[in-house]
Amino acid sequence: MEVFRIDKMNIQYEAMLGLTAELILDESLRSYQRDKLQQAIDESLATGNEEQFYELTKKLQQLESS
């Protein structure tokens, strides 16, 4: 009985670690994508590319709302 409880706790602990790792990875990817979009937006402003600016800001808004 005691071994079963310990095994069950280990499984739950590993599941929580997996979920935590997934959340960290998702946030890291989101942050990287946000940084890249912001850099591209800055570049489109610097070059005066209005169409690209609107396209990229729309993508940034979608990323931040998801």
Foldseek 3Di string as FASTA:
>chain_A
DVVVVVVVVVVVVVVVVVVVVVVVVVVVVLVVLLVVLVVQLVVCVVVVVPVSNVVSVVVNVVSVVD
